[in-house]
Structure formats: C-alpha cells, structure tokens
C-alpha cells in the first residue's frame, strides 16, 4: 500500500524516475550513467545519486566491466519493485483520466444537447476519446469524428468509426462541432469558418469562458 504522500506525487516525481531507471536497466544492462541521465531528462549528478539509491535498496546490482565502465543488472527485488511502480503509475494515470472525464462531462453538460443532437468531434487525441465518451453519457448518439487534418486515408478509423477529413465536414449536418485538441486550434477554427460553420456551433472543452485572441 502506498503512502498518502506517495499517492499524490506527480508523474515526474522521484517514484516515476525510479521506475524509468529500472526500465532502462532492464532494457540496456550495459548502460552509462550519462546515457541514463539523458534518457531520464535529469542531471548526471542526480542520475548518479539515483543509481546508488536503488543499488543500496537491492533493486539493481552493479559490476565493473572495465575502466570507468559499469554494468547494471536488475535483481529479483528490482523486478518486483518495477512491477509495483508500474501498477502505481497506471493507477495514477487512470485517476487523472477519471478526473478529466468528469470535468469534461460537466463542461459539455452546459451545452443545449439532447438525444436528437448530432455532434462532430474534431481530433483524434485522448481528449477526443474522452469527449466521445462524455457525449455518450449525456445521451448523444449521433457522433462523427473528423481528423484535424484536411484529408485522411479511406481506411482510417477512430474508436471503430470511419475517420473523415476535416474538409468534408458540412456545417448544416451538426448542432455542435467540438474541437477536441489540446494545442493551438486556430487552423482548425479557420478551416471550419471557411466551411460556413458558425462560431456558435464551435465548442472547445475547458475554453468556453476564455476569450479568444
């Protein structure tokens, strides 16, 4: 059972770095600390401290291969620790997933949607997946998904549905068009506007109250 403090550590916490270190050691035993530091995105000195820490706990075994060359081997205790940290990482991710899903559903519930509404989702990211699930929970069944790109291959699919290119979207077919992208969406808005989608039709989750530039 993890402690309360450990449970609330971020994904870039020391616990996540420890997991990444154990993964790197398992995948590449003949690993330099310099390369390890680059892989983990930390300073060389921090990597050295982390290696010594997990070695002291018995999670890795260090042996010298030559002058200033070392080999790192994951021990049985290290394998068990990696599994534990992996499960905690997955739990952390799912906890964030559930929270974002609830926030998204609350945000979309303010829209005038019903079972008769037809909605288009623009995007194929994780936010688009959550948007699709939130719309289903709100009773919307007529949902189409469009790529953020103008065109797509005919066999491309998303959540089992045929994926369509943005330029094929027709404004009159939808009551709302949800742009489910986390980054800059100006190009998608411009494309939709050029296709006669009205501003009132366009929805960007979590940004409805934020002024446009």
C-alpha atoms as a PDB file:
ATOM      1  CA  UNK A   1       0.000   0.000   0.000  1.00  0.00           C
ATOM      2  CA  UNK A   2       1.476   3.353  -0.983  1.00  0.00           C
ATOM      3  CA  UNK A   3       1.643   6.225   1.468  1.00  0.00           C
ATOM      4  CA  UNK A   4      -0.591   9.276   1.124  1.00  0.00           C
ATOM      5  CA  UNK A   5       2.354  11.440   0.090  1.00  0.00           C
ATOM      6  CA  UNK A   6       3.495   8.908  -2.489  1.00  0.00           C
ATOM      7  CA  UNK A   7      -0.016   8.625  -3.892  1.00  0.00           C
ATOM      8  CA  UNK A   8      -0.095  12.326  -4.652  1.00  0.00           C
ATOM      9  CA  UNK A   9       3.367  12.535  -6.207  1.00  0.00           C
ATOM     10  CA  UNK A  10       3.288  13.787  -9.794  1.00  0.00           C
ATOM     11  CA  UNK A  11       4.244  11.727 -12.808  1.00  0.00           C
ATOM     12  CA  UNK A  12       7.646  13.459 -12.824  1.00  0.00           C
ATOM     13  CA  UNK A  13       8.276  12.539  -9.200  1.00  0.00           C
ATOM     14  CA  UNK A  14      11.191  10.550  -7.800  1.00  0.00           C
ATOM     15  CA  UNK A  15       8.945   7.471  -7.923  1.00  0.00           C
ATOM     16  CA  UNK A  16       8.450   7.871 -11.669  1.00  0.00           C
ATOM     17  CA  UNK A  17      12.188   8.460 -12.176  1.00  0.00           C
ATOM     18  CA  UNK A  18      12.889   5.290 -10.238  1.00  0.00           C
ATOM     19  CA  UNK A  19      10.512   3.357 -12.484  1.00  0.00           C
ATOM     20  CA  UNK A  20      12.161   4.776 -15.607  1.00  0.00           C
ATOM     21  CA  UNK A  21      15.604   3.869 -14.261  1.00  0.00           C
ATOM     22  CA  UNK A  22      14.575   0.262 -13.609  1.00  0.00           C
ATOM     23  CA  UNK A  23      13.063   0.071 -17.095  1.00  0.00           C
ATOM     24  CA  UNK A  24      16.261   1.405 -18.662  1.00  0.00           C
ATOM     25  CA  UNK A  25      18.428  -1.027 -16.698  1.00  0.00           C
ATOM     26  CA  UNK A  26      16.242  -3.956 -17.682  1.00  0.00           C
ATOM     27  CA  UNK A  27      16.340  -2.969 -21.339  1.00  0.00           C
ATOM     28  CA  UNK A  28      20.011  -1.966 -21.540  1.00  0.00           C
ATOM     29  CA  UNK A  29      22.260  -3.563 -18.883  1.00  0.00           C
ATOM     30  CA  UNK A  30      25.465  -2.047 -20.339  1.00  0.00           C
ATOM     31  CA  UNK A  31      24.248   1.478 -19.684  1.00  0.00           C
ATOM     32  CA  UNK A  32      26.353   4.522 -18.878  1.00  0.00           C
ATOM     33  CA  UNK A  33      25.110   6.985 -16.298  1.00  0.00           C
ATOM     34  CA  UNK A  34      25.481   9.759 -18.857  1.00  0.00           C
ATOM     35  CA  UNK A  35      23.095   7.985 -21.239  1.00  0.00           C
ATOM     36  CA  UNK A  36      20.778   7.192 -18.342  1.00  0.00           C
ATOM     37  CA  UNK A  37      20.698  10.870 -17.354  1.00  0.00           C
ATOM     38  CA  UNK A  38      19.771  11.845 -20.920  1.00  0.00           C
ATOM     39  CA  UNK A  39      17.007   9.214 -21.071  1.00  0.00           C
ATOM     40  CA  UNK A  40      15.516  10.372 -17.772  1.00  0.00           C
ATOM     41  CA  UNK A  41      15.998  14.081 -18.517  1.00  0.00           C
ATOM     42  CA  UNK A  42      17.977  14.687 -15.339  1.00  0.00           C
ATOM     43  CA  UNK A  43      21.455  15.937 -14.459  1.00  0.00           C
ATOM     44  CA  UNK A  44      24.331  13.454 -14.379  1.00  0.00           C
ATOM     45  CA  UNK A  45      24.823  14.027 -10.660  1.00  0.00           C
ATOM     46  CA  UNK A  46      21.150  13.261  -9.983  1.00  0.00           C
ATOM     47  CA  UNK A  47      21.425  10.069 -12.057  1.00  0.00           C
ATOM     48  CA  UNK A  48      24.429   9.003 -10.001  1.00  0.00           C
ATOM     49  CA  UNK A  49      22.538   9.551  -6.748  1.00  0.00           C
ATOM     50  CA  UNK A  50      19.508   7.655  -8.076  1.00  0.00           C
ATOM     51  CA  UNK A  51      21.630   4.699  -9.209  1.00  0.00           C
ATOM     52  CA  UNK A  52      23.340   4.485  -5.832  1.00  0.00           C
ATOM     53  CA  UNK A  53      19.983   4.726  -4.067  1.00  0.00           C
ATOM     54  CA  UNK A  54      18.328   1.836  -5.930  1.00  0.00           C
ATOM     55  CA  UNK A  55      21.507  -0.225  -5.691  1.00  0.00           C
ATOM     56  CA  UNK A  56      21.574   0.273  -1.923  1.00  0.00           C
ATOM     57  CA  UNK A  57      17.979  -0.957  -1.765  1.00  0.00           C
ATOM     58  CA  UNK A  58      18.984  -4.071  -3.675  1.00  0.00           C
ATOM     59  CA  UNK A  59      16.983  -3.320  -6.818  1.00  0.00           C
ATOM     60  CA  UNK A  60      19.994  -3.358  -9.144  1.00  0.00           C
ATOM     61  CA  UNK A  61      23.414  -4.975  -8.992  1.00  0.00           C
ATOM     62  CA  UNK A  62      26.440  -3.016 -10.233  1.00  0.00           C
ATOM     63  CA  UNK A  63      29.536  -4.674 -11.628  1.00  0.00           C
ATOM     64  CA  UNK A  64      32.617  -3.172 -13.219  1.00  0.00           C
ATOM     65  CA  UNK A  65      33.251  -4.061 -16.865  1.00  0.00           C
ATOM     66  CA  UNK A  66      36.450  -2.093 -17.313  1.00  0.00           C
ATOM     67  CA  UNK A  67      37.996   1.259 -16.543  1.00  0.00           C
ATOM     68  CA  UNK A  68      35.083   3.598 -15.853  1.00  0.00           C
ATOM     69  CA  UNK A  69      32.666   1.091 -17.413  1.00  0.00           C
ATOM     70  CA  UNK A  70      29.886  -0.409 -15.378  1.00  0.00           C
ATOM     71  CA  UNK A  71      27.087  -2.896 -15.921  1.00  0.00           C
ATOM     72  CA  UNK A  72      23.737  -2.714 -14.161  1.00  0.00           C
ATOM     73  CA  UNK A  73      21.575  -5.792 -13.639  1.00  0.00           C
ATOM     74  CA  UNK A  74      18.006  -5.811 -12.371  1.00  0.00           C
ATOM     75  CA  UNK A  75      17.701  -8.107  -9.355  1.00  0.00           C
ATOM     76  CA  UNK A  76      14.580 -10.150  -8.460  1.00  0.00           C
ATOM     77  CA  UNK A  77      13.788  -7.466  -5.872  1.00  0.00           C
ATOM     78  CA  UNK A  78      14.196  -4.859  -8.603  1.00  0.00           C
ATOM     79  CA  UNK A  79      11.788  -6.718 -10.889  1.00  0.00           C
ATOM     80  CA  UNK A  80       9.215  -6.818  -8.100  1.00  0.00           C
ATOM     81  CA  UNK A  81       9.757  -3.108  -7.421  1.00  0.00           C
ATOM     82  CA  UNK A  82       9.370  -2.276 -11.110  1.00  0.00           C
ATOM     83  CA  UNK A  83       6.057  -4.148 -11.222  1.00  0.00           C
ATOM     84  CA  UNK A  84       4.860  -2.312  -8.102  1.00  0.00           C
ATOM     85  CA  UNK A  85       5.818   1.084  -9.517  1.00  0.00           C
ATOM     86  CA  UNK A  86       4.238   0.228 -12.872  1.00  0.00           C
ATOM     87  CA  UNK A  87       0.923  -0.597 -11.214  1.00  0.00           C
ATOM     88  CA  UNK A  88       1.072   2.627  -9.190  1.00  0.00           C
ATOM     89  CA  UNK A  89       1.850   4.597 -12.339  1.00  0.00           C
ATOM     90  CA  UNK A  90      -1.143   3.041 -14.125  1.00  0.00           C
ATOM     91  CA  UNK A  91      -3.366   3.842 -11.131  1.00  0.00           C
ATOM     92  CA  UNK A  92      -2.128   7.434 -11.199  1.00  0.00           C
ATOM     93  CA  UNK A  93      -2.859   7.744 -14.925  1.00  0.00           C
ATOM     94  CA  UNK A  94      -6.344   6.255 -14.531  1.00  0.00           C
ATOM     95  CA  UNK A  95      -7.081   8.591 -11.633  1.00  0.00           C
ATOM     96  CA  UNK A  96      -6.195  11.589 -13.835  1.00  0.00           C
ATOM     97  CA  UNK A  97      -8.242  10.060 -16.666  1.00  0.00           C
ATOM     98  CA  UNK A  98     -11.322   9.764 -14.441  1.00  0.00           C
ATOM     99  CA  UNK A  99     -10.961  13.321 -13.174  1.00  0.00           C
ATOM    100  CA  UNK A 100     -10.606  14.791 -16.664  1.00  0.00           C
ATOM    101  CA  UNK A 101     -13.554  12.722 -17.871  1.00  0.00           C
ATOM    102  CA  UNK A 102     -15.787  14.085 -15.087  1.00  0.00           C
ATOM    103  CA  UNK A 103     -14.632  17.660 -15.746  1.00  0.00           C
ATOM    104  CA  UNK A 104     -15.272  17.238 -19.455  1.00  0.00           C
ATOM    105  CA  UNK A 105     -18.749  15.809 -18.934  1.00  0.00           C
ATOM    106  CA  UNK A 106     -19.609  18.705 -16.626  1.00  0.00           C
ATOM    107  CA  UNK A 107     -18.284  21.190 -19.187  1.00  0.00           C
ATOM    108  CA  UNK A 108     -20.242  19.646 -22.066  1.00  0.00           C
ATOM    109  CA  UNK A 109     -23.409  19.289 -19.975  1.00  0.00           C
ATOM    110  CA  UNK A 110     -23.830  23.075 -20.192  1.00  0.00           C
ATOM    111  CA  UNK A 111     -24.474  22.795 -23.927  1.00  0.00           C
ATOM    112  CA  UNK A 112     -28.024  22.557 -25.327  1.00  0.00           C
ATOM    113  CA  UNK A 113     -27.653  18.913 -26.360  1.00  0.00           C
ATOM    114  CA  UNK A 114     -30.187  16.100 -26.413  1.00  0.00           C
ATOM    115  CA  UNK A 115     -30.616  12.622 -27.842  1.00  0.00           C
ATOM    116  CA  UNK A 116     -31.691  14.307 -31.072  1.00  0.00           C
ATOM    117  CA  UNK A 117     -28.462  16.282 -31.390  1.00  0.00           C
ATOM    118  CA  UNK A 118     -25.836  15.398 -33.937  1.00  0.00           C
ATOM    119  CA  UNK A 119     -22.279  16.318 -32.960  1.00  0.00           C
ATOM    120  CA  UNK A 120     -18.956  16.324 -34.795  1.00  0.00           C
ATOM    121  CA  UNK A 121     -15.682  15.812 -32.950  1.00  0.00           C
ATOM    122  CA  UNK A 122     -12.543  17.274 -34.498  1.00  0.00           C
ATOM    123  CA  UNK A 123      -9.406  15.475 -33.327  1.00  0.00           C
ATOM    124  CA  UNK A 124      -8.050  12.008 -32.654  1.00  0.00           C
ATOM    125  CA  UNK A 125      -6.258  12.609 -29.359  1.00  0.00           C
ATOM    126  CA  UNK A 126      -7.001  11.245 -25.911  1.00  0.00           C
ATOM    127  CA  UNK A 127      -9.177  14.326 -25.367  1.00  0.00           C
ATOM    128  CA  UNK A 128     -11.241  13.274 -28.391  1.00  0.00           C
ATOM    129  CA  UNK A 129     -11.773   9.832 -26.857  1.00  0.00           C
ATOM    130  CA  UNK A 130     -12.927  11.389 -23.583  1.00  0.00           C
ATOM    131  CA  UNK A 131     -15.176  13.792 -25.482  1.00  0.00           C
ATOM    132  CA  UNK A 132     -16.810  10.891 -27.294  1.00  0.00           C
ATOM    133  CA  UNK A 133     -17.466   9.045 -24.010  1.00  0.00           C
ATOM    134  CA  UNK A 134     -18.782  12.198 -22.325  1.00  0.00           C
ATOM    135  CA  UNK A 135     -21.214  12.834 -25.179  1.00  0.00           C
ATOM    136  CA  UNK A 136     -22.497   9.268 -24.946  1.00  0.00           C
ATOM    137  CA  UNK A 137     -23.049   9.722 -21.205  1.00  0.00           C
ATOM    138  CA  UNK A 138     -25.052  12.868 -21.986  1.00  0.00           C
ATOM    139  CA  UNK A 139     -27.343  10.878 -24.268  1.00  0.00           C
ATOM    140  CA  UNK A 140     -25.900  11.990 -27.619  1.00  0.00           C
ATOM    141  CA  UNK A 141     -25.750   9.091 -30.071  1.00  0.00           C
ATOM    142  CA  UNK A 142     -25.212  10.742 -33.441  1.00  0.00           C
ATOM    143  CA  UNK A 143     -21.478  11.428 -33.322  1.00  0.00           C
ATOM    144  CA  UNK A 144     -19.000  11.668 -36.194  1.00  0.00           C
ATOM    145  CA  UNK A 145     -15.251  12.062 -35.845  1.00  0.00           C
ATOM    146  CA  UNK A 146     -13.078  14.194 -38.111  1.00  0.00           C
ATOM    147  CA  UNK A 147      -9.325  14.301 -38.274  1.00  0.00           C
ATOM    148  CA  UNK A 148      -7.656  17.616 -37.543  1.00  0.00           C
ATOM    149  CA  UNK A 149      -6.051  17.167 -40.955  1.00  0.00           C
ATOM    150  CA  UNK A 150      -7.951  18.225 -44.119  1.00  0.00           C
ATOM    151  CA  UNK A 151      -7.944  14.722 -45.636  1.00  0.00           C
ATOM    152  CA  UNK A 152      -7.422  11.148 -44.407  1.00  0.00           C
ATOM    153  CA  UNK A 153      -6.950   7.715 -45.924  1.00  0.00           C
ATOM    154  CA  UNK A 154     -10.188   5.891 -46.708  1.00  0.00           C
ATOM    155  CA  UNK A 155      -9.390   3.039 -44.308  1.00  0.00           C
ATOM    156  CA  UNK A 156      -8.503   5.186 -41.272  1.00  0.00           C
ATOM    157  CA  UNK A 157     -10.669   4.576 -38.220  1.00  0.00           C
ATOM    158  CA  UNK A 158     -11.052   6.034 -34.740  1.00  0.00           C
ATOM    159  CA  UNK A 159     -12.800   4.173 -31.917  1.00  0.00           C
ATOM    160  CA  UNK A 160     -14.075   1.749 -34.542  1.00  0.00           C
ATOM    161  CA  UNK A 161     -15.662   4.527 -36.605  1.00  0.00           C
ATOM    162  CA  UNK A 162     -14.646   5.718 -40.040  1.00  0.00           C
ATOM    163  CA  UNK A 163     -12.438   8.778 -39.692  1.00  0.00           C
ATOM    164  CA  UNK A 164     -13.233  11.677 -42.013  1.00  0.00           C
ATOM    165  CA  UNK A 165     -11.125  14.562 -43.258  1.00  0.00           C
ATOM    166  CA  UNK A 166     -11.953  17.982 -41.831  1.00  0.00           C
ATOM    167  CA  UNK A 167     -12.628  19.488 -45.243  1.00  0.00           C
ATOM    168  CA  UNK A 168     -15.564  17.086 -45.725  1.00  0.00           C
ATOM    169  CA  UNK A 169     -17.448  18.436 -42.681  1.00  0.00           C
ATOM    170  CA  UNK A 170     -20.761  20.153 -43.574  1.00  0.00           C
ATOM    171  CA  UNK A 171     -21.961  22.784 -41.125  1.00  0.00           C
ATOM    172  CA  UNK A 172     -25.655  22.062 -41.680  1.00  0.00           C
ATOM    173  CA  UNK A 173     -25.246  18.456 -40.517  1.00  0.00           C
ATOM    174  CA  UNK A 174     -24.369  19.295 -36.906  1.00  0.00           C
ATOM    175  CA  UNK A 175     -25.727  21.234 -33.974  1.00  0.00           C
ATOM    176  CA  UNK A 176     -22.267  21.409 -32.409  1.00  0.00           C
ATOM    177  CA  UNK A 177     -18.703  20.865 -33.604  1.00  0.00           C
ATOM    178  CA  UNK A 178     -16.330  20.030 -30.747  1.00  0.00           C
ATOM    179  CA  UNK A 179     -12.644  20.747 -31.329  1.00  0.00           C
ATOM    180  CA  UNK A 180     -11.022  18.139 -29.069  1.00  0.00           C
ATOM    181  CA  UNK A 181      -7.395  19.233 -29.350  1.00  0.00           C
ATOM    182  CA  UNK A 182      -5.120  20.355 -26.524  1.00  0.00           C
ATOM    183  CA  UNK A 183      -2.830  22.647 -28.507  1.00  0.00           C
ATOM    184  CA  UNK A 184      -3.313  25.564 -30.852  1.00  0.00           C
ATOM    185  CA  UNK A 185      -6.625  25.247 -32.677  1.00  0.00           C
ATOM    186  CA  UNK A 186      -6.559  28.395 -34.803  1.00  0.00           C
ATOM    187  CA  UNK A 187      -6.020  26.493 -38.058  1.00  0.00           C
ATOM    188  CA  UNK A 188      -8.953  24.159 -37.349  1.00  0.00           C
ATOM    189  CA  UNK A 189     -11.202  27.101 -36.461  1.00  0.00           C
ATOM    190  CA  UNK A 190     -10.194  28.874 -39.654  1.00  0.00           C
ATOM    191  CA  UNK A 191     -10.940  25.739 -41.678  1.00  0.00           C
ATOM    192  CA  UNK A 192     -14.364  25.348 -40.038  1.00  0.00           C
ATOM    193  CA  UNK A 193     -15.200  29.010 -40.570  1.00  0.00           C
ATOM    194  CA  UNK A 194     -14.251  28.684 -44.230  1.00  0.00           C
ATOM    195  CA  UNK A 195     -16.743  25.819 -44.430  1.00  0.00           C
ATOM    196  CA  UNK A 196     -19.557  28.019 -43.055  1.00  0.00           C
ATOM    197  CA  UNK A 197     -19.514  26.600 -39.523  1.00  0.00           C
ATOM    198  CA  UNK A 198     -20.797  29.388 -37.290  1.00  0.00           C
ATOM    199  CA  UNK A 199     -18.949  30.487 -34.172  1.00  0.00           C
ATOM    200  CA  UNK A 200     -21.908  29.469 -32.022  1.00  0.00           C
ATOM    201  CA  UNK A 201     -21.587  25.916 -33.316  1.00  0.00           C
ATOM    202  CA  UNK A 202     -17.928  25.546 -32.347  1.00  0.00           C
ATOM    203  CA  UNK A 203     -17.112  24.177 -28.912  1.00  0.00           C
ATOM    204  CA  UNK A 204     -13.707  23.874 -27.287  1.00  0.00           C
ATOM    205  CA  UNK A 205     -13.841  21.967 -23.967  1.00  0.00           C
ATOM    206  CA  UNK A 206     -12.466  23.846 -20.955  1.00  0.00           C
ATOM    207  CA  UNK A 207     -12.088  27.011 -23.047  1.00  0.00           C
ATOM    208  CA  UNK A 208     -15.681  28.198 -23.335  1.00  0.00           C
ATOM    209  CA  UNK A 209     -15.234  31.038 -20.867  1.00  0.00           C
ATOM    210  CA  UNK A 210     -11.762  32.020 -22.063  1.00  0.00           C
ATOM    211  CA  UNK A 211     -11.634  34.953 -24.510  1.00  0.00           C
ATOM    212  CA  UNK A 212     -10.313  34.237 -27.998  1.00  0.00           C
ATOM    213  CA  UNK A 213      -7.227  36.115 -29.114  1.00  0.00           C
END
